[in-house]
Amino acid sequence: MEDLSVPVLIVGGGLVGLSAAVFLTWQGERPLLVERHSGTSLHPRARGVNVRAMELFRQVGLEDEIRATESAVALADNSGIVRMESLAGFQAPGFNREYLDEDARDVSPTGWTLCEQDELEPVLRAHAEESGADLRFGHELVGHTHDAEGVTATVRHRATGKEYAVRARYVVVADGAASPIREQLGIARQGRGVLARYLNIHFRADLTEALGERRFVMAYVRNAEVTAGLLPINNTDRWLLHVPLDPQADSDQDGWDEERCEAAVRAAAGVPDLPVKILGAQPWQAAGLVAETFRVGRLFLVGDSAHVMPPTGAFGSATGIQDAHNLAWKLAMVLRGKASEALLDSYEAEREPVARATVRQTVLRSLDRPGHGEPIPEGAILPDHVVALGYHYPVRDVAPEDVLARDDGSAAPGTRAPHLWLERDGVRISSLDLYDGRGMVLVAGPEAGDWPEVVSGASLPITVHRIGAHQLTDPSQRWARTHGVPGNGAVLVRPDGFVLDRFTAEDDPQTALTQALSTLLGRRPGTDAAAAASNDVRSHG
């Protein structure tokens, strides 16, 4: 095989690595991805795609395709966590907590979905390949060196044993919780550590009669024979059963052969003569750990290589997907010469505090589940939508006092731009749909000045939208109030939908815009990429 030179090498082809490939191709880059396994996941592991991850997939046109997968369709009406003796037996009162807010319709144009990993990964793989990514399954990284200009990786084709060299300007490390690359780089992890060990049993059995009309997300089962978590995949004959393992056992599966797995399934179902087919069983750990650094030179850790967290709340893979999105647009800007290398420093500065805060929240949620009984301080667990959408990034190198502050959604710099329903050419759209993820966007109020003229003098593309112009209307008359500016104000939004700055008529628009961009892009005011906006100004309504 021939040696290669690529802008970005992605190591790892799971959910986060494939998401990185999708987001990079959306930016116009053509990354190379290597994954040691021969294909995408065959086991339904992660399945909750939270509201922020769905917003990002919506941005690249994948929301409808994800919602059309078998599990997403089957589980569209499932909600809630229940407790029971068995599926066919006594059901206890439900597990209700104020922080379990599944409905995000007021704060987002989309919502979380249940889509099994073995169905989501093929969707991402197909989209990335169709968009120009070079995805090589059955290829593994066996070594690397890095210098000031890039990374030289040695990759082996596992089927033939042949090796070849890949020279990449940057490497996205998405090789999982055990991350050989993280270990080779000597990056330690900190946190609560391993909380518990489980066996994830994927099985086929017709539980339609025992289930009845109930449609839950998860059931905690506890009886004399088994303690486990039961999760539907299609509400009929495909299910997951998570059984606890002995934390002191030497073996990963702790003696759980097929016969024992079948017995556990029957006990959880409450149907002694139930026909069962075990489709697979994988051990896993519930842990809370965060890497001490997310970057070494030109290598960037994303997803489980950077942080692991319990699955409670479905924040694990979603946090990694957000890592990939945050990094992708920054890499693209640097590769295109629109920003200096300093922009890449913001990846760790932004994502590491969010990871730590999210890990802390998932650990607390895990300890708040049945069977743990560890007291949780009142108010320590924040609502799901705050964890998913309310995090703050540092602004002008000043970190927020609380990364997961209870944000009021007022578009403060460093926060996600709020969702608001608008109309364009008579069609309802979300304000988030104005941010296509490929460049900077400035949205001006109905009384604002001539922003297209203001941003026309420099080299960084900025798309300008004006409320009330070119058939873009605000039926609720809430845009200015929601975004924390007067009618003559404007909001500058990054490619990832986070607010960079807000302006009013009292500001000198050219100076304010130049300063905001120079701070983000790591350029001095007046230099090519920071001078202000764009020779390629796109003005829309």
Foldseek 3Di string as FASTA:
>chain_A
DEEAEFAEEEEAQFLLSLLLLLLLLLLVGAYEYEAQAQDYDPDFDQFKQFPLNLLVCVLSPCNVVQCPDQQQVLQVPAAFEWEAQALQHGTDDGDDDPQADQDCVVWHVDGMTTGTRVRVSVSSVVSSVVSRYHYHYQKHWDDWDADQQFIKTWIANNVVRDIYIYTYRFYEYPHAQVGPVCVVVVWDKDDPFFDFKKKKWKKFFFLLVSNDPHHHQWYFHDDPLFTWIKGDRRSTTIIIIIGTDDPPDPDQVNPCDPVNVVCRNCSNNVHRPTDMDTPDMDMDTATWIAIPFQDDNRYGYAASNGTGHGCVLNCRVNLRSVLSLQQSLQSSCVVVVLFPPVLNVQSRQFSRLLSNLLRQLRVLRVCVDPPNPDDDPPPSHHRSCLSSFVAFGDALPHGDPHRSDPDPQQQAARGFHTWAWKWAPRHIDIPSNQQSLNFKEKEAAQQADDVLVLQQPAAGEYEYEYAPPNRIHRVVPCPQRSNVHPRHKMWMAGNSRHTQDIGHPVDPVQVVQLVSQCSNRVHDAPDHSRVGHHNPYHYHD
